[in-house]
Amino acid sequence: MRKQIGGDHYQRLDIEPLDFFRAVSEDGYEGFLRFNAMKYLTRYPQKGGIGDLRKAHHYCELLIELYEHKQMASHHNSDDKMP
C-alpha cells in the first residue's frame, strides 16, 4: 500500500490488511472500502474530526482507483469481442 492515514502501524507489516483483503476478494474489497468510508464519514463529528474525514477521503480514493480499474478492464474486454 502506498499511503496510510493516521500512522504507519500497517506499513510495518509484511502484508498490510488492506492488500491481503484485495488479494483474496475483489468484491469483498469493494464492500470493505465502502463500509470504511461510511464509518469515518458518520463518526467524524463525534469522534475523530478532521482525521476521520481524511480516512474517509483515503477510502474514497481507493474506491475511485478500483472503479477506474474495473472500467478500464470492462472497456478492454468489450474491445476484445469486437470483430
N, C-alpha and C. Protein backbone atom coordinates (compact mmCIF):
# COMPACT_ATOMS: atom_id res chain seq x y z
N MET A 1 0.86 -1.17 0.00
CA MET A 1 0.00 0.00 0.00
C MET A 1 0.90 1.23 0.00
N ARG A 2 0.51 2.25 -0.71
CA ARG A 2 1.35 3.43 -0.87
C ARG A 2 1.22 4.41 0.29
N LYS A 3 0.04 4.56 0.82
CA LYS A 3 -0.21 5.65 1.76
C LYS A 3 -1.07 5.13 2.90
N GLN A 4 -0.82 5.64 4.08
CA GLN A 4 -1.65 5.32 5.23
C GLN A 4 -1.97 6.60 5.97
N ILE A 5 -3.22 6.75 6.34
CA ILE A 5 -3.66 7.92 7.09
C ILE A 5 -3.67 7.56 8.57
N GLY A 6 -3.01 8.35 9.38
CA GLY A 6 -3.06 8.14 10.83
C GLY A 6 -2.01 7.18 11.36
N GLY A 7 -0.78 7.29 10.90
CA GLY A 7 0.29 6.47 11.44
C GLY A 7 0.93 5.60 10.39
N ASP A 8 1.81 4.70 10.84
CA ASP A 8 2.47 3.79 9.92
C ASP A 8 2.43 2.35 10.43
N HIS A 9 1.54 2.07 11.37
CA HIS A 9 1.50 0.76 12.01
C HIS A 9 1.21 -0.37 11.02
N TYR A 10 0.41 -0.14 9.98
CA TYR A 10 0.16 -1.19 8.99
C TYR A 10 1.33 -1.35 8.03
N GLN A 11 2.03 -0.27 7.75
CA GLN A 11 3.14 -0.32 6.80
C GLN A 11 4.31 -1.14 7.33
N ARG A 12 4.36 -1.36 8.62
CA ARG A 12 5.44 -2.15 9.22
C ARG A 12 5.23 -3.65 9.05
N LEU A 13 4.05 -4.06 8.63
CA LEU A 13 3.73 -5.47 8.47
C LEU A 13 4.26 -6.01 7.14
N ASP A 14 4.45 -7.33 7.06
CA ASP A 14 4.88 -7.94 5.81
C ASP A 14 3.84 -7.73 4.71
N ILE A 15 2.57 -7.87 5.06
CA ILE A 15 1.49 -7.56 4.13
C ILE A 15 0.43 -6.78 4.91
N GLU A 16 0.03 -5.67 4.34
CA GLU A 16 -0.96 -4.85 5.02
C GLU A 16 -2.34 -5.51 4.90
N PRO A 17 -3.18 -5.38 5.93
CA PRO A 17 -4.51 -5.99 5.88
C PRO A 17 -5.30 -5.62 4.63
N LEU A 18 -5.21 -4.38 4.20
CA LEU A 18 -5.93 -3.94 3.01
C LEU A 18 -5.44 -4.68 1.76
N ASP A 19 -4.14 -4.88 1.64
CA ASP A 19 -3.59 -5.60 0.49
C ASP A 19 -4.00 -7.08 0.53
N PHE A 20 -4.01 -7.65 1.72
CA PHE A 20 -4.46 -9.04 1.87
C PHE A 20 -5.92 -9.17 1.45
N PHE A 21 -6.76 -8.25 1.92
CA PHE A 21 -8.18 -8.29 1.61
C PHE A 21 -8.40 -8.19 0.10
N ARG A 22 -7.67 -7.31 -0.56
CA ARG A 22 -7.78 -7.16 -2.00
C ARG A 22 -7.38 -8.45 -2.71
N ALA A 23 -6.32 -9.08 -2.23
CA ALA A 23 -5.81 -10.28 -2.89
C ALA A 23 -6.79 -11.45 -2.81
N VAL A 24 -7.54 -11.56 -1.72
CA VAL A 24 -8.42 -12.71 -1.56
C VAL A 24 -9.83 -12.48 -2.07
N SER A 25 -10.25 -11.22 -2.26
CA SER A 25 -11.63 -10.99 -2.68
C SER A 25 -11.82 -9.57 -3.18
N GLU A 26 -11.87 -9.39 -4.52
CA GLU A 26 -12.05 -8.05 -5.04
C GLU A 26 -13.44 -7.50 -4.72
N ASP A 27 -14.48 -8.34 -4.81
CA ASP A 27 -15.83 -7.87 -4.48
C ASP A 27 -15.93 -7.53 -2.99
N GLY A 28 -15.33 -8.38 -2.16
CA GLY A 28 -15.31 -8.09 -0.73
C GLY A 28 -14.49 -6.86 -0.42
N TYR A 29 -13.44 -6.67 -1.19
CA TYR A 29 -12.58 -5.50 -1.03
C TYR A 29 -13.37 -4.22 -1.27
N GLU A 30 -14.19 -4.20 -2.33
CA GLU A 30 -15.00 -3.02 -2.61
C GLU A 30 -15.96 -2.74 -1.45
N GLY A 31 -16.61 -3.76 -0.94
CA GLY A 31 -17.51 -3.59 0.20
C GLY A 31 -16.78 -3.08 1.42
N PHE A 32 -15.58 -3.58 1.64
CA PHE A 32 -14.76 -3.15 2.77
C PHE A 32 -14.45 -1.65 2.65
N LEU A 33 -14.07 -1.22 1.45
CA LEU A 33 -13.77 0.21 1.23
C LEU A 33 -15.00 1.07 1.46
N ARG A 34 -16.13 0.65 0.93
CA ARG A 34 -17.37 1.42 1.08
C ARG A 34 -17.77 1.51 2.55
N PHE A 35 -17.68 0.40 3.26
CA PHE A 35 -18.04 0.39 4.68
C PHE A 35 -17.15 1.34 5.47
N ASN A 36 -15.85 1.29 5.23
CA ASN A 36 -14.94 2.14 6.00
C ASN A 36 -15.13 3.62 5.67
N ALA A 37 -15.36 3.94 4.41
CA ALA A 37 -15.63 5.34 4.07
C ALA A 37 -16.85 5.83 4.83
N MET A 38 -17.92 5.05 4.83
CA MET A 38 -19.14 5.46 5.54
C MET A 38 -18.92 5.53 7.05
N LYS A 39 -18.15 4.59 7.58
CA LYS A 39 -17.87 4.58 9.02
C LYS A 39 -17.22 5.90 9.44
N TYR A 40 -16.18 6.30 8.72
CA TYR A 40 -15.48 7.52 9.08
C TYR A 40 -16.30 8.77 8.80
N LEU A 41 -17.12 8.74 7.76
CA LEU A 41 -17.98 9.90 7.46
C LEU A 41 -19.05 10.08 8.53
N THR A 42 -19.57 8.99 9.05
CA THR A 42 -20.64 9.12 10.03
C THR A 42 -20.13 9.43 11.44
N ARG A 43 -18.90 9.06 11.75
CA ARG A 43 -18.43 9.27 13.12
C ARG A 43 -17.60 10.53 13.33
N TYR A 44 -17.17 11.19 12.24
CA TYR A 44 -16.22 12.30 12.39
C TYR A 44 -16.69 13.42 13.32
N PRO A 45 -17.99 13.79 13.33
CA PRO A 45 -18.34 14.91 14.21
C PRO A 45 -18.19 14.58 15.71
N GLN A 46 -18.41 13.31 16.06
CA GLN A 46 -18.37 12.92 17.47
C GLN A 46 -17.04 12.33 17.91
N LYS A 47 -16.23 11.85 16.97
CA LYS A 47 -15.05 11.13 17.41
C LYS A 47 -13.74 11.69 16.87
N GLY A 48 -13.50 11.53 15.57
CA GLY A 48 -12.15 11.77 15.06
C GLY A 48 -11.94 13.07 14.31
N GLY A 49 -12.98 13.86 14.10
CA GLY A 49 -12.83 15.15 13.43
C GLY A 49 -12.16 15.04 12.07
N ILE A 50 -11.23 15.95 11.82
CA ILE A 50 -10.56 16.02 10.52
C ILE A 50 -9.80 14.74 10.20
N GLY A 51 -9.29 14.06 11.21
CA GLY A 51 -8.60 12.79 10.97
C GLY A 51 -9.52 11.75 10.36
N ASP A 52 -10.75 11.67 10.86
CA ASP A 52 -11.71 10.74 10.29
C ASP A 52 -12.11 11.15 8.88
N LEU A 53 -12.20 12.44 8.62
CA LEU A 53 -12.51 12.89 7.26
C LEU A 53 -11.38 12.52 6.30
N ARG A 54 -10.14 12.62 6.77
CA ARG A 54 -9.01 12.22 5.94
C ARG A 54 -9.04 10.73 5.65
N LYS A 55 -9.40 9.94 6.66
CA LYS A 55 -9.51 8.49 6.46
C LYS A 55 -10.63 8.17 5.48
N ALA A 56 -11.78 8.83 5.60
CA ALA A 56 -12.88 8.61 4.66
C ALA A 56 -12.44 8.97 3.24
N HIS A 57 -11.73 10.08 3.11
CA HIS A 57 -11.22 10.50 1.81
C HIS A 57 -10.28 9.45 1.22
N HIS A 58 -9.42 8.90 2.06
CA HIS A 58 -8.49 7.86 1.63
C HIS A 58 -9.24 6.65 1.07
N TYR A 59 -10.27 6.20 1.79
CA TYR A 59 -11.05 5.06 1.32
C TYR A 59 -11.80 5.40 0.03
N CYS A 60 -12.26 6.63 -0.10
CA CYS A 60 -12.92 7.06 -1.34
C CYS A 60 -11.93 7.06 -2.50
N GLU A 61 -10.70 7.49 -2.25
CA GLU A 61 -9.68 7.44 -3.30
C GLU A 61 -9.42 6.01 -3.75
N LEU A 62 -9.37 5.09 -2.80
CA LEU A 62 -9.16 3.68 -3.16
C LEU A 62 -10.35 3.15 -3.96
N LEU A 63 -11.57 3.56 -3.60
CA LEU A 63 -12.75 3.16 -4.37
C LEU A 63 -12.69 3.70 -5.79
N ILE A 64 -12.25 4.93 -5.94
CA ILE A 64 -12.13 5.53 -7.27
C ILE A 64 -11.12 4.73 -8.10
N GLU A 65 -9.98 4.39 -7.52
CA GLU A 65 -8.98 3.60 -8.23
C GLU A 65 -9.55 2.25 -8.66
N LEU A 66 -10.27 1.60 -7.76
CA LEU A 66 -10.87 0.31 -8.08
C LEU A 66 -11.90 0.45 -9.19
N TYR A 67 -12.74 1.46 -9.10
CA TYR A 67 -13.77 1.69 -10.11
C TYR A 67 -13.13 1.96 -11.48
N GLU A 68 -12.11 2.81 -11.50
CA GLU A 68 -11.43 3.11 -12.76
C GLU A 68 -10.79 1.85 -13.35
N HIS A 69 -10.20 1.04 -12.49
CA HIS A 69 -9.58 -0.21 -12.94
C HIS A 69 -10.64 -1.13 -13.56
N LYS A 70 -11.80 -1.23 -12.91
CA LYS A 70 -12.89 -2.08 -13.43
C LYS A 70 -13.40 -1.53 -14.75
N GLN A 71 -13.51 -0.21 -14.85
CA GLN A 71 -14.00 0.41 -16.08
C GLN A 71 -13.03 0.14 -17.23
N MET A 72 -11.74 0.27 -16.95
CA MET A 72 -10.73 0.02 -18.00
C MET A 72 -10.75 -1.45 -18.41
N ALA A 73 -10.89 -2.34 -17.45
CA ALA A 73 -10.93 -3.77 -17.76
C ALA A 73 -12.18 -4.11 -18.56
N SER A 74 -13.30 -3.51 -18.21
CA SER A 74 -14.55 -3.73 -18.93
C SER A 74 -14.44 -3.23 -20.36
N HIS A 75 -13.86 -2.05 -20.52
CA HIS A 75 -13.69 -1.48 -21.85
C HIS A 75 -12.75 -2.35 -22.68
N HIS A 76 -11.68 -2.81 -22.05
CA HIS A 76 -10.70 -3.67 -22.74
C HIS A 76 -11.36 -4.97 -23.18
N ASN A 77 -12.18 -5.58 -22.30
CA ASN A 77 -12.85 -6.83 -22.63
C ASN A 77 -13.85 -6.65 -23.76
N SER A 78 -14.55 -5.52 -23.81
CA SER A 78 -15.50 -5.28 -24.89
C SER A 78 -14.78 -5.06 -26.21
N ASP A 79 -13.58 -4.50 -26.19
CA ASP A 79 -12.78 -4.34 -27.40
C ASP A 79 -12.35 -5.69 -27.95
N ASP A 80 -12.06 -6.65 -27.04
CA ASP A 80 -11.64 -7.98 -27.47
C ASP A 80 -12.74 -8.72 -28.21
N LYS A 81 -14.00 -8.40 -27.93
CA LYS A 81 -15.12 -9.12 -28.53
C LYS A 81 -15.55 -8.54 -29.87
N MET A 82 -15.02 -7.37 -30.23
CA MET A 82 -15.39 -6.75 -31.50
C MET A 82 -14.75 -7.50 -32.66
N PRO A 83 -15.48 -7.63 -33.80
CA PRO A 83 -14.90 -8.35 -34.95
C PRO A 83 -13.78 -7.58 -35.60
